[in-house]
């Protein structure tokens, strides 16, 4: 029997309140407990209230600590998505579009 090398990733649950910025390329998450720079994490994103969360992999590419955060910019971490499939990409597109429409009203 062939043994697969399955790497475990830390799973981080993200709801819409923690999302500061989101695009098809990545996400900026408000947090005072960022993961280490370069960490590969599995993000469980709950974008829409009645939808199942989506699971995406990402790499922490930037950290903003509370002391170093610019004014009106929250502490947190920027995560670049890795291997985002088309179904999840489309769900993110819909979420971003809905947020743009709500901000215009």
PDB file of N, CA and C in Angstrom:
ATOM      1  N   UNK A   1       0.837  -1.178   0.000  1.00  0.00           N
ATOM      2  CA  UNK A   1       0.000   0.000   0.000  1.00  0.00           C
ATOM      3  C   UNK A   1       0.889   1.252   0.000  1.00  0.00           C
ATOM      4  N   UNK A   2       0.606   2.170  -0.919  1.00  0.00           N
ATOM      5  CA  UNK A   2       1.397   3.390  -1.037  1.00  0.00           C
ATOM      6  C   UNK A   2       1.000   4.381   0.055  1.00  0.00           C
ATOM      7  N   UNK A   3       2.000   4.924   0.713  1.00  0.00           N
ATOM      8  CA  UNK A   3       1.736   5.882   1.776  1.00  0.00           C
ATOM      9  C   UNK A   3       1.890   7.298   1.220  1.00  0.00           C
ATOM     10  N   UNK A   4       0.862   8.105   1.393  1.00  0.00           N
ATOM     11  CA  UNK A   4       0.892   9.481   0.896  1.00  0.00           C
ATOM     12  C   UNK A   4       1.454  10.395   1.969  1.00  0.00           C
ATOM     13  N   UNK A   5       2.235  11.347   1.520  1.00  0.00           N
ATOM     14  CA  UNK A   5       2.792  12.336   2.431  1.00  0.00           C
ATOM     15  C   UNK A   5       1.801  13.481   2.558  1.00  0.00           C
ATOM     16  N   UNK A   6       0.929  13.405   3.538  1.00  0.00           N
ATOM     17  CA  UNK A   6      -0.077  14.439   3.755  1.00  0.00           C
ATOM     18  C   UNK A   6       0.430  15.410   4.803  1.00  0.00           C
ATOM     19  N   UNK A   7       0.584  16.637   4.394  1.00  0.00           N
ATOM     20  CA  UNK A   7       1.045  17.670   5.310  1.00  0.00           C
ATOM     21  C   UNK A   7      -0.167  18.298   5.994  1.00  0.00           C
ATOM     22  N   UNK A   8      -0.082  18.423   7.281  1.00  0.00           N
ATOM     23  CA  UNK A   8      -1.170  19.053   8.044  1.00  0.00           C
ATOM     24  C   UNK A   8      -0.921  20.549   8.112  1.00  0.00           C
ATOM     25  N   UNK A   9      -1.974  21.320   7.913  1.00  0.00           N
ATOM     26  CA  UNK A   9      -1.895  22.769   8.002  1.00  0.00           C
ATOM     27  C   UNK A   9      -2.746  23.223   9.169  1.00  0.00           C
ATOM     28  N   UNK A  10      -2.291  24.265   9.814  1.00  0.00           N
ATOM     29  CA  UNK A  10      -3.102  24.843  10.883  1.00  0.00           C
ATOM     30  C   UNK A  10      -4.357  25.422  10.250  1.00  0.00           C
ATOM     31  N   UNK A  11      -5.509  25.119  10.803  1.00  0.00           N
ATOM     32  CA  UNK A  11      -6.768  25.638  10.287  1.00  0.00           C
ATOM     33  C   UNK A  11      -7.168  26.868  11.089  1.00  0.00           C
ATOM     34  N   UNK A  12      -7.452  27.950  10.371  1.00  0.00           N
ATOM     35  CA  UNK A  12      -7.856  29.204  10.992  1.00  0.00           C
ATOM     36  C   UNK A  12      -9.256  29.537  10.504  1.00  0.00           C
ATOM     37  N   UNK A  13     -10.212  29.672  11.432  1.00  0.00           N
ATOM     38  CA  UNK A  13     -11.587  30.006  11.060  1.00  0.00           C
ATOM     39  C   UNK A  13     -11.739  31.517  10.961  1.00  0.00           C
ATOM     40  N   UNK A  14     -12.277  31.977   9.825  1.00  0.00           N
ATOM     41  CA  UNK A  14     -12.430  33.406   9.567  1.00  0.00           C
ATOM     42  C   UNK A  14     -13.883  33.694   9.228  1.00  0.00           C
ATOM     43  N   UNK A  15     -14.515  34.585  10.000  1.00  0.00           N
ATOM     44  CA  UNK A  15     -15.862  35.030   9.652  1.00  0.00           C
ATOM     45  C   UNK A  15     -15.757  36.443   9.084  1.00  0.00           C
ATOM     46  N   UNK A  16     -16.851  36.979   8.607  1.00  0.00           N
ATOM     47  CA  UNK A  16     -16.818  38.257   7.897  1.00  0.00           C
ATOM     48  C   UNK A  16     -16.334  39.420   8.768  1.00  0.00           C
ATOM     49  N   UNK A  17     -16.496  39.350  10.089  1.00  0.00           N
ATOM     50  CA  UNK A  17     -16.036  40.440  10.952  1.00  0.00           C
ATOM     51  C   UNK A  17     -14.515  40.558  10.970  1.00  0.00           C
ATOM     52  N   UNK A  18     -13.817  39.449  10.741  1.00  0.00           N
ATOM     53  CA  UNK A  18     -12.355  39.466  10.762  1.00  0.00           C
ATOM     54  C   UNK A  18     -11.758  39.865   9.411  1.00  0.00           C
ATOM     55  N   UNK A  19     -12.573  39.895   8.361  1.00  0.00           N
ATOM     56  CA  UNK A  19     -12.064  40.229   7.033  1.00  0.00           C
ATOM     57  C   UNK A  19     -11.955  41.745   6.898  1.00  0.00           C
ATOM     58  N   UNK A  20     -10.732  42.236   6.704  1.00  0.00           N
ATOM     59  CA  UNK A  20     -10.533  43.669   6.479  1.00  0.00           C
ATOM     60  C   UNK A  20     -10.510  43.946   4.971  1.00  0.00           C
ATOM     61  N   UNK A  21      -9.877  43.059   4.223  1.00  0.00           N
ATOM     62  CA  UNK A  21      -9.792  43.197   2.771  1.00  0.00           C
ATOM     63  C   UNK A  21      -9.731  41.797   2.168  1.00  0.00           C
ATOM     64  N   UNK A  22     -10.405  41.631   1.040  1.00  0.00           N
ATOM     65  CA  UNK A  22     -10.452  40.326   0.388  1.00  0.00           C
ATOM     66  C   UNK A  22     -10.432  40.522  -1.116  1.00  0.00           C
ATOM     67  N   UNK A  23      -9.657  39.698  -1.787  1.00  0.00           N
ATOM     68  CA  UNK A  23      -9.636  39.681  -3.249  1.00  0.00           C
ATOM     69  C   UNK A  23      -9.427  38.239  -3.688  1.00  0.00           C
ATOM     70  N   UNK A  24      -9.411  38.027  -4.988  1.00  0.00           N
ATOM     71  CA  UNK A  24      -9.180  36.674  -5.497  1.00  0.00           C
ATOM     72  C   UNK A  24      -7.752  36.209  -5.217  1.00  0.00           C
ATOM     73  N   UNK A  25      -6.866  37.133  -4.920  1.00  0.00           N
ATOM     74  CA  UNK A  25      -5.469  36.783  -4.672  1.00  0.00           C
ATOM     75  C   UNK A  25      -5.129  36.532  -3.218  1.00  0.00           C
ATOM     76  N   UNK A  26      -5.959  37.065  -2.309  1.00  0.00           N
ATOM     77  CA  UNK A  26      -5.642  36.886  -0.906  1.00  0.00           C
ATOM     78  C   UNK A  26      -6.581  37.641   0.009  1.00  0.00           C
ATOM     79  N   UNK A  27      -6.200  37.684   1.278  1.00  0.00           N
ATOM     80  CA  UNK A  27      -7.060  38.261   2.307  1.00  0.00           C
ATOM     81  C   UNK A  27      -6.205  38.945   3.367  1.00  0.00           C
ATOM     82  N   UNK A  28      -6.718  40.057   3.900  1.00  0.00           N
ATOM     83  CA  UNK A  28      -6.104  40.681   5.068  1.00  0.00           C
ATOM     84  C   UNK A  28      -7.061  40.431   6.223  1.00  0.00           C
ATOM     85  N   UNK A  29      -6.551  39.790   7.258  1.00  0.00           N
ATOM     86  CA  UNK A  29      -7.358  39.372   8.400  1.00  0.00           C
ATOM     87  C   UNK A  29      -7.011  40.225   9.618  1.00  0.00           C
ATOM     88  N   UNK A  30      -8.048  40.801  10.240  1.00  0.00           N
ATOM     89  CA  UNK A  30      -7.839  41.538  11.492  1.00  0.00           C
ATOM     90  C   UNK A  30      -7.555  40.527  12.596  1.00  0.00           C
ATOM     91  N   UNK A  31      -6.419  40.682  13.247  1.00  0.00           N
ATOM     92  CA  UNK A  31      -6.095  39.810  14.364  1.00  0.00           C
ATOM     93  C   UNK A  31      -4.939  40.401  15.156  1.00  0.00           C
ATOM     94  N   UNK A  32      -4.953  40.161  16.443  1.00  0.00           N
ATOM     95  CA  UNK A  32      -3.825  40.556  17.284  1.00  0.00           C
ATOM     96  C   UNK A  32      -2.930  39.353  17.549  1.00  0.00           C
ATOM     97  N   UNK A  33      -3.295  38.212  16.953  1.00  0.00           N
ATOM     98  CA  UNK A  33      -2.512  36.985  17.101  1.00  0.00           C
ATOM     99  C   UNK A  33      -2.191  36.405  15.727  1.00  0.00           C
ATOM    100  N   UNK A  34      -1.357  37.111  14.935  1.00  0.00           N
ATOM    101  CA  UNK A  34      -1.042  36.601  13.595  1.00  0.00           C
ATOM    102  C   UNK A  34      -0.182  35.346  13.655  1.00  0.00           C
ATOM    103  N   UNK A  35      -0.261  34.563  12.617  1.00  0.00           N
ATOM    104  CA  UNK A  35       0.606  33.398  12.493  1.00  0.00           C
ATOM    105  C   UNK A  35       1.968  33.875  11.995  1.00  0.00           C
ATOM    106  N   UNK A  36       3.015  33.104  12.193  1.00  0.00           N
ATOM    107  CA  UNK A  36       4.358  33.544  11.777  1.00  0.00           C
ATOM    108  C   UNK A  36       4.453  33.807  10.272  1.00  0.00           C
ATOM    109  N   UNK A  37       5.269  34.783   9.918  1.00  0.00           N
ATOM    110  CA  UNK A  37       5.519  35.118   8.523  1.00  0.00           C
ATOM    111  C   UNK A  37       6.017  33.876   7.779  1.00  0.00           C
ATOM    112  N   UNK A  38       5.449  33.629   6.617  1.00  0.00           N
ATOM    113  CA  UNK A  38       5.833  32.467   5.816  1.00  0.00           C
ATOM    114  C   UNK A  38       5.044  31.208   6.131  1.00  0.00           C
ATOM    115  N   UNK A  39       4.220  31.233   7.177  1.00  0.00           N
ATOM    116  CA  UNK A  39       3.413  30.055   7.545  1.00  0.00           C
ATOM    117  C   UNK A  39       2.428  29.725   6.436  1.00  0.00           C
ATOM    118  N   UNK A  40       2.231  28.452   6.214  1.00  0.00           N
ATOM    119  CA  UNK A  40       1.184  27.973   5.310  1.00  0.00           C
ATOM    120  C   UNK A  40       0.033  27.537   6.204  1.00  0.00           C
ATOM    121  N   UNK A  41      -1.142  28.125   5.970  1.00  0.00           N
ATOM    122  CA  UNK A  41      -2.297  27.835   6.813  1.00  0.00           C
ATOM    123  C   UNK A  41      -3.504  27.480   5.949  1.00  0.00           C
ATOM    124  N   UNK A  42      -4.428  26.765   6.535  1.00  0.00           N
ATOM    125  CA  UNK A  42      -5.700  26.453   5.879  1.00  0.00           C
ATOM    126  C   UNK A  42      -6.734  27.404   6.475  1.00  0.00           C
ATOM    127  N   UNK A  43      -7.357  28.192   5.609  1.00  0.00           N
ATOM    128  CA  UNK A  43      -8.353  29.158   6.065  1.00  0.00           C
ATOM    129  C   UNK A  43      -9.748  28.623   5.807  1.00  0.00           C
ATOM    130  N   UNK A  44     -10.555  28.640   6.823  1.00  0.00           N
ATOM    131  CA  UNK A  44     -11.958  28.279   6.688  1.00  0.00           C
ATOM    132  C   UNK A  44     -12.738  29.591   6.657  1.00  0.00           C
ATOM    133  N   UNK A  45     -13.142  30.010   5.459  1.00  0.00           N
ATOM    134  CA  UNK A  45     -13.795  31.304   5.273  1.00  0.00           C
ATOM    135  C   UNK A  45     -15.307  31.161   5.253  1.00  0.00           C
ATOM    136  N   UNK A  46     -15.957  31.850   6.143  1.00  0.00           N
ATOM    137  CA  UNK A  46     -17.423  31.894   6.181  1.00  0.00           C
ATOM    138  C   UNK A  46     -17.817  33.255   5.617  1.00  0.00           C
ATOM    139  N   UNK A  47     -18.110  33.293   4.310  1.00  0.00           N
ATOM    140  CA  UNK A  47     -18.386  34.548   3.632  1.00  0.00           C
ATOM    141  C   UNK A  47     -19.849  34.945   3.701  1.00  0.00           C
ATOM    142  N   UNK A  48     -20.726  33.993   3.468  1.00  0.00           N
ATOM    143  CA  UNK A  48     -22.163  34.264   3.458  1.00  0.00           C
ATOM    144  C   UNK A  48     -22.819  33.499   4.597  1.00  0.00           C
ATOM    145  N   UNK A  49     -23.753  34.146   5.259  1.00  0.00           N
ATOM    146  CA  UNK A  49     -24.374  33.583   6.460  1.00  0.00           C
ATOM    147  C   UNK A  49     -24.968  32.190   6.241  1.00  0.00           C
ATOM    148  N   UNK A  50     -25.652  31.976   5.127  1.00  0.00           N
ATOM    149  CA  UNK A  50     -26.336  30.700   4.910  1.00  0.00           C
ATOM    150  C   UNK A  50     -25.532  29.681   4.103  1.00  0.00           C
ATOM    151  N   UNK A  51     -24.296  30.020   3.753  1.00  0.00           N
ATOM    152  CA  UNK A  51     -23.449  29.102   2.981  1.00  0.00           C
ATOM    153  C   UNK A  51     -22.500  28.333   3.885  1.00  0.00           C
ATOM    154  N   UNK A  52     -22.063  27.205   3.367  1.00  0.00           N
ATOM    155  CA  UNK A  52     -21.023  26.443   4.051  1.00  0.00           C
ATOM    156  C   UNK A  52     -19.707  27.213   3.915  1.00  0.00           C
ATOM    157  N   UNK A  53     -18.829  27.128   4.914  1.00  0.00           N
ATOM    158  CA  UNK A  53     -17.528  27.782   4.788  1.00  0.00           C
ATOM    159  C   UNK A  53     -16.714  27.126   3.670  1.00  0.00           C
ATOM    160  N   UNK A  54     -15.817  27.909   3.075  1.00  0.00           N
ATOM    161  CA  UNK A  54     -14.918  27.336   2.076  1.00  0.00           C
ATOM    162  C   UNK A  54     -13.540  27.188   2.711  1.00  0.00           C
ATOM    163  N   UNK A  55     -12.818  26.184   2.294  1.00  0.00           N
ATOM    164  CA  UNK A  55     -11.498  25.912   2.837  1.00  0.00           C
ATOM    165  C   UNK A  55     -10.465  26.216   1.761  1.00  0.00           C
ATOM    166  N   UNK A  56      -9.572  27.162   2.047  1.00  0.00           N
ATOM    167  CA  UNK A  56      -8.516  27.534   1.106  1.00  0.00           C
ATOM    168  C   UNK A  56      -7.175  27.546   1.828  1.00  0.00           C
ATOM    169  N   UNK A  57      -6.123  27.288   1.068  1.00  0.00           N
ATOM    170  CA  UNK A  57      -4.775  27.325   1.611  1.00  0.00           C
ATOM    171  C   UNK A  57      -4.163  28.680   1.307  1.00  0.00           C
ATOM    172  N   UNK A  58      -3.313  29.165   2.226  1.00  0.00           N
ATOM    173  CA  UNK A  58      -2.655  30.434   1.999  1.00  0.00           C
ATOM    174  C   UNK A  58      -1.336  30.527   2.740  1.00  0.00           C
ATOM    175  N   UNK A  59      -0.553  31.521   2.327  1.00  0.00           N
ATOM    176  CA  UNK A  59       0.749  31.772   2.944  1.00  0.00           C
ATOM    177  C   UNK A  59       0.742  33.171   3.550  1.00  0.00           C
ATOM    178  N   UNK A  60       1.180  33.279   4.814  1.00  0.00           N
ATOM    179  CA  UNK A  60       1.256  34.567   5.484  1.00  0.00           C
ATOM    180  C   UNK A  60       2.415  35.346   4.867  1.00  0.00           C
ATOM    181  N   UNK A  61       2.077  36.496   4.230  1.00  0.00           N
ATOM    182  CA  UNK A  61       3.111  37.271   3.536  1.00  0.00           C
ATOM    183  C   UNK A  61       3.388  38.625   4.193  1.00  0.00           C
ATOM    184  N   UNK A  62       2.558  39.027   5.138  1.00  0.00           N
ATOM    185  CA  UNK A  62       2.761  40.319   5.811  1.00  0.00           C
ATOM    186  C   UNK A  62       2.070  40.292   7.164  1.00  0.00           C
ATOM    187  N   UNK A  63       2.721  40.903   8.143  1.00  0.00           N
ATOM    188  CA  UNK A  63       2.154  41.013   9.481  1.00  0.00           C
ATOM    189  C   UNK A  63       2.197  42.474   9.903  1.00  0.00           C
ATOM    190  N   UNK A  64       1.092  42.960  10.462  1.00  0.00           N
ATOM    191  CA  UNK A  64       1.046  44.305  11.033  1.00  0.00           C
ATOM    192  C   UNK A  64       0.695  44.139  12.516  1.00  0.00           C
ATOM    193  N   UNK A  65       1.650  44.487  13.369  1.00  0.00           N
ATOM    194  CA  UNK A  65       1.449  44.379  14.810  1.00  0.00           C
ATOM    195  C   UNK A  65       0.748  45.630  15.341  1.00  0.00           C
ATOM    196  N   UNK A  66       0.055  45.521  16.474  1.00  0.00           N
ATOM    197  CA  UNK A  66      -0.678  46.681  17.013  1.00  0.00           C
ATOM    198  C   UNK A  66       0.182  47.941  17.147  1.00  0.00           C
ATOM    199  N   UNK A  67       1.413  47.817  17.612  1.00  0.00           N
ATOM    200  CA  UNK A  67       2.273  48.996  17.796  1.00  0.00           C
ATOM    201  C   UNK A  67       2.686  49.609  16.464  1.00  0.00           C
ATOM    202  N   UNK A  68       2.791  48.812  15.413  1.00  0.00           N
ATOM    203  CA  UNK A  68       3.259  49.318  14.134  1.00  0.00           C
ATOM    204  C   UNK A  68       2.151  49.627  13.139  1.00  0.00           C
ATOM    205  N   UNK A  69       0.916  49.439  13.553  1.00  0.00           N
ATOM    206  CA  UNK A  69      -0.206  49.636  12.631  1.00  0.00           C
ATOM    207  C   UNK A  69      -0.409  51.119  12.330  1.00  0.00           C
ATOM    208  N   UNK A  70      -0.499  51.465  11.037  1.00  0.00           N
ATOM    209  CA  UNK A  70      -0.797  52.861  10.692  1.00  0.00           C
ATOM    210  C   UNK A  70      -2.181  53.241  11.224  1.00  0.00           C
ATOM    211  N   UNK A  71      -2.408  54.552  11.381  1.00  0.00           N
ATOM    212  CA  UNK A  71      -3.721  54.997  11.854  1.00  0.00           C
ATOM    213  C   UNK A  71      -4.804  54.484  10.918  1.00  0.00           C
ATOM    214  N   UNK A  72      -5.915  54.111  11.491  1.00  0.00           N
ATOM    215  CA  UNK A  72      -7.092  53.611  10.763  1.00  0.00           C
ATOM    216  C   UNK A  72      -6.808  52.325   9.982  1.00  0.00           C
ATOM    217  N   UNK A  73      -5.753  51.612  10.334  1.00  0.00           N
ATOM    218  CA  UNK A  73      -5.451  50.322   9.705  1.00  0.00           C
ATOM    219  C   UNK A  73      -5.274  49.318  10.827  1.00  0.00           C
ATOM    220  N   UNK A  74      -6.063  48.259  10.829  1.00  0.00           N
ATOM    221  CA  UNK A  74      -6.029  47.337  11.967  1.00  0.00           C
ATOM    222  C   UNK A  74      -4.803  46.419  11.962  1.00  0.00           C
ATOM    223  N   UNK A  75      -4.386  45.993  13.145  1.00  0.00           N
ATOM    224  CA  UNK A  75      -3.343  44.976  13.198  1.00  0.00           C
ATOM    225  C   UNK A  75      -3.883  43.685  12.582  1.00  0.00           C
ATOM    226  N   UNK A  76      -2.998  42.902  12.001  1.00  0.00           N
ATOM    227  CA  UNK A  76      -3.439  41.650  11.395  1.00  0.00           C
ATOM    228  C   UNK A  76      -2.382  41.028  10.522  1.00  0.00           C
ATOM    229  N   UNK A  77      -2.846  40.197   9.582  1.00  0.00           N
ATOM    230  CA  UNK A  77      -1.915  39.511   8.686  1.00  0.00           C
ATOM    231  C   UNK A  77      -2.506  39.404   7.282  1.00  0.00           C
ATOM    232  N   UNK A  78      -1.627  39.534   6.306  1.00  0.00           N
ATOM    233  CA  UNK A  78      -2.010  39.362   4.910  1.00  0.00           C
ATOM    234  C   UNK A  78      -1.651  37.944   4.501  1.00  0.00           C
ATOM    235  N   UNK A  79      -2.607  37.276   3.868  1.00  0.00           N
ATOM    236  CA  UNK A  79      -2.420  35.895   3.449  1.00  0.00           C
ATOM    237  C   UNK A  79      -2.672  35.808   1.946  1.00  0.00           C
ATOM    238  N   UNK A  80      -1.697  35.281   1.231  1.00  0.00           N
ATOM    239  CA  UNK A  80      -1.830  35.079  -0.213  1.00  0.00           C
ATOM    240  C   UNK A  80      -2.371  33.681  -0.446  1.00  0.00           C
ATOM    241  N   UNK A  81      -3.454  33.584  -1.245  1.00  0.00           N
ATOM    242  CA  UNK A  81      -4.048  32.278  -1.514  1.00  0.00           C
ATOM    243  C   UNK A  81      -3.111  31.423  -2.362  1.00  0.00           C
ATOM    244  N   UNK A  82      -3.155  30.130  -2.093  1.00  0.00           N
ATOM    245  CA  UNK A  82      -2.394  29.138  -2.850  1.00  0.00           C
ATOM    246  C   UNK A  82      -3.397  28.153  -3.438  1.00  0.00           C
ATOM    247  N   UNK A  83      -3.295  27.892  -4.726  1.00  0.00           N
ATOM    248  CA  UNK A  83      -4.127  26.867  -5.374  1.00  0.00           C
ATOM    249  C   UNK A  83      -5.624  27.084  -5.138  1.00  0.00           C
ATOM    250  N   UNK A  84      -6.121  28.276  -5.443  1.00  0.00           N
ATOM    251  CA  UNK A  84      -7.543  28.574  -5.269  1.00  0.00           C
ATOM    252  C   UNK A  84      -8.317  28.015  -6.456  1.00  0.00           C
ATOM    253  N   UNK A  85      -9.251  27.099  -6.194  1.00  0.00           N
ATOM    254  CA  UNK A  85     -10.010  26.520  -7.310  1.00  0.00           C
ATOM    255  C   UNK A  85     -11.084  27.497  -7.802  1.00  0.00           C
ATOM    256  N   UNK A  86     -11.590  27.250  -9.002  1.00  0.00           N
ATOM    257  CA  UNK A  86     -12.508  28.183  -9.663  1.00  0.00           C
ATOM    258  C   UNK A  86     -13.813  28.371  -8.884  1.00  0.00           C
ATOM    259  N   UNK A  87     -14.312  27.323  -8.266  1.00  0.00           N
ATOM    260  CA  UNK A  87     -15.556  27.418  -7.487  1.00  0.00           C
ATOM    261  C   UNK A  87     -15.381  28.389  -6.308  1.00  0.00           C
ATOM    262  N   UNK A  88     -14.273  28.282  -5.594  1.00  0.00           N
ATOM    263  CA  UNK A  88     -14.015  29.177  -4.469  1.00  0.00           C
ATOM    264  C   UNK A  88     -13.710  30.591  -4.959  1.00  0.00           C
ATOM    265  N   UNK A  89     -13.002  30.693  -6.080  1.00  0.00           N
ATOM    266  CA  UNK A  89     -12.702  32.007  -6.660  1.00  0.00           C
ATOM    267  C   UNK A  89     -14.000  32.751  -6.996  1.00  0.00           C
ATOM    268  N   UNK A  90     -14.969  32.028  -7.549  1.00  0.00           N
ATOM    269  CA  UNK A  90     -16.255  32.629  -7.920  1.00  0.00           C
ATOM    270  C   UNK A  90     -17.019  33.077  -6.673  1.00  0.00           C
ATOM    271  N   UNK A  91     -16.972  32.302  -5.609  1.00  0.00           N
ATOM    272  CA  UNK A  91     -17.651  32.680  -4.367  1.00  0.00           C
ATOM    273  C   UNK A  91     -17.014  33.946  -3.783  1.00  0.00           C
ATOM    274  N   UNK A  92     -15.697  34.052  -3.866  1.00  0.00           N
ATOM    275  CA  UNK A  92     -15.002  35.247  -3.389  1.00  0.00           C
ATOM    276  C   UNK A  92     -15.381  36.445  -4.252  1.00  0.00           C
ATOM    277  N   UNK A  93     -15.453  36.264  -5.572  1.00  0.00           N
ATOM    278  CA  UNK A  93     -15.879  37.346  -6.479  1.00  0.00           C
ATOM    279  C   UNK A  93     -17.251  37.880  -6.086  1.00  0.00           C
ATOM    280  N   UNK A  94     -18.188  36.958  -5.835  1.00  0.00           N
ATOM    281  CA  UNK A  94     -19.543  37.366  -5.451  1.00  0.00           C
ATOM    282  C   UNK A  94     -19.535  38.149  -4.145  1.00  0.00           C
ATOM    283  N   UNK A  95     -18.743  37.694  -3.179  1.00  0.00           N
ATOM    284  CA  UNK A  95     -18.656  38.372  -1.886  1.00  0.00           C
ATOM    285  C   UNK A  95     -18.101  39.786  -2.067  1.00  0.00           C
ATOM    286  N   UNK A  96     -17.011  39.916  -2.821  1.00  0.00           N
ATOM    287  CA  UNK A  96     -16.385  41.223  -3.039  1.00  0.00           C
ATOM    288  C   UNK A  96     -17.356  42.156  -3.753  1.00  0.00           C
ATOM    289  N   UNK A  97     -18.049  41.655  -4.769  1.00  0.00           N
ATOM    290  CA  UNK A  97     -19.012  42.467  -5.506  1.00  0.00           C
ATOM    291  C   UNK A  97     -20.151  42.929  -4.599  1.00  0.00           C
ATOM    292  N   UNK A  98     -20.653  42.035  -3.767  1.00  0.00           N
ATOM    293  CA  UNK A  98     -21.741  42.381  -2.839  1.00  0.00           C
ATOM    294  C   UNK A  98     -21.284  43.464  -1.863  1.00  0.00           C
ATOM    295  N   UNK A  99     -20.049  43.371  -1.356  1.00  0.00           N
ATOM    296  CA  UNK A  99     -19.524  44.378  -0.433  1.00  0.00           C
ATOM    297  C   UNK A  99     -19.387  45.742  -1.122  1.00  0.00           C
ATOM    298  N   UNK A 100     -18.962  45.740  -2.388  1.00  0.00           N
ATOM    299  CA  UNK A 100     -18.844  47.003  -3.141  1.00  0.00           C
ATOM    300  C   UNK A 100     -20.214  47.653  -3.300  1.00  0.00           C
ATOM    301  N   UNK A 101     -21.217  46.845  -3.621  1.00  0.00           N
ATOM    302  CA  UNK A 101     -22.581  47.378  -3.808  1.00  0.00           C
ATOM    303  C   UNK A 101     -23.129  47.935  -2.499  1.00  0.00           C
ATOM    304  N   UNK A 102     -22.858  47.258  -1.381  1.00  0.00           N
ATOM    305  CA  UNK A 102     -23.332  47.737  -0.084  1.00  0.00           C
ATOM    306  C   UNK A 102     -22.634  49.041   0.323  1.00  0.00           C
ATOM    307  N   UNK A 103     -21.371  49.178  -0.019  1.00  0.00           N
ATOM    308  CA  UNK A 103     -20.649  50.400   0.363  1.00  0.00           C
ATOM    309  C   UNK A 103     -21.083  51.612  -0.454  1.00  0.00           C
ATOM    310  N   UNK A 104     -21.663  51.389  -1.624  1.00  0.00           N
ATOM    311  CA  UNK A 104     -22.149  52.481  -2.460  1.00  0.00           C
ATOM    312  C   UNK A 104     -23.478  53.035  -1.945  1.00  0.00           C
ATOM    313  N   UNK A 105     -24.244  52.205  -1.221  1.00  0.00           N
ATOM    314  CA  UNK A 105     -25.568  52.651  -0.761  1.00  0.00           C
ATOM    315  C   UNK A 105     -25.515  53.484   0.485  1.00  0.00           C
TER     316      UNK A 105
END
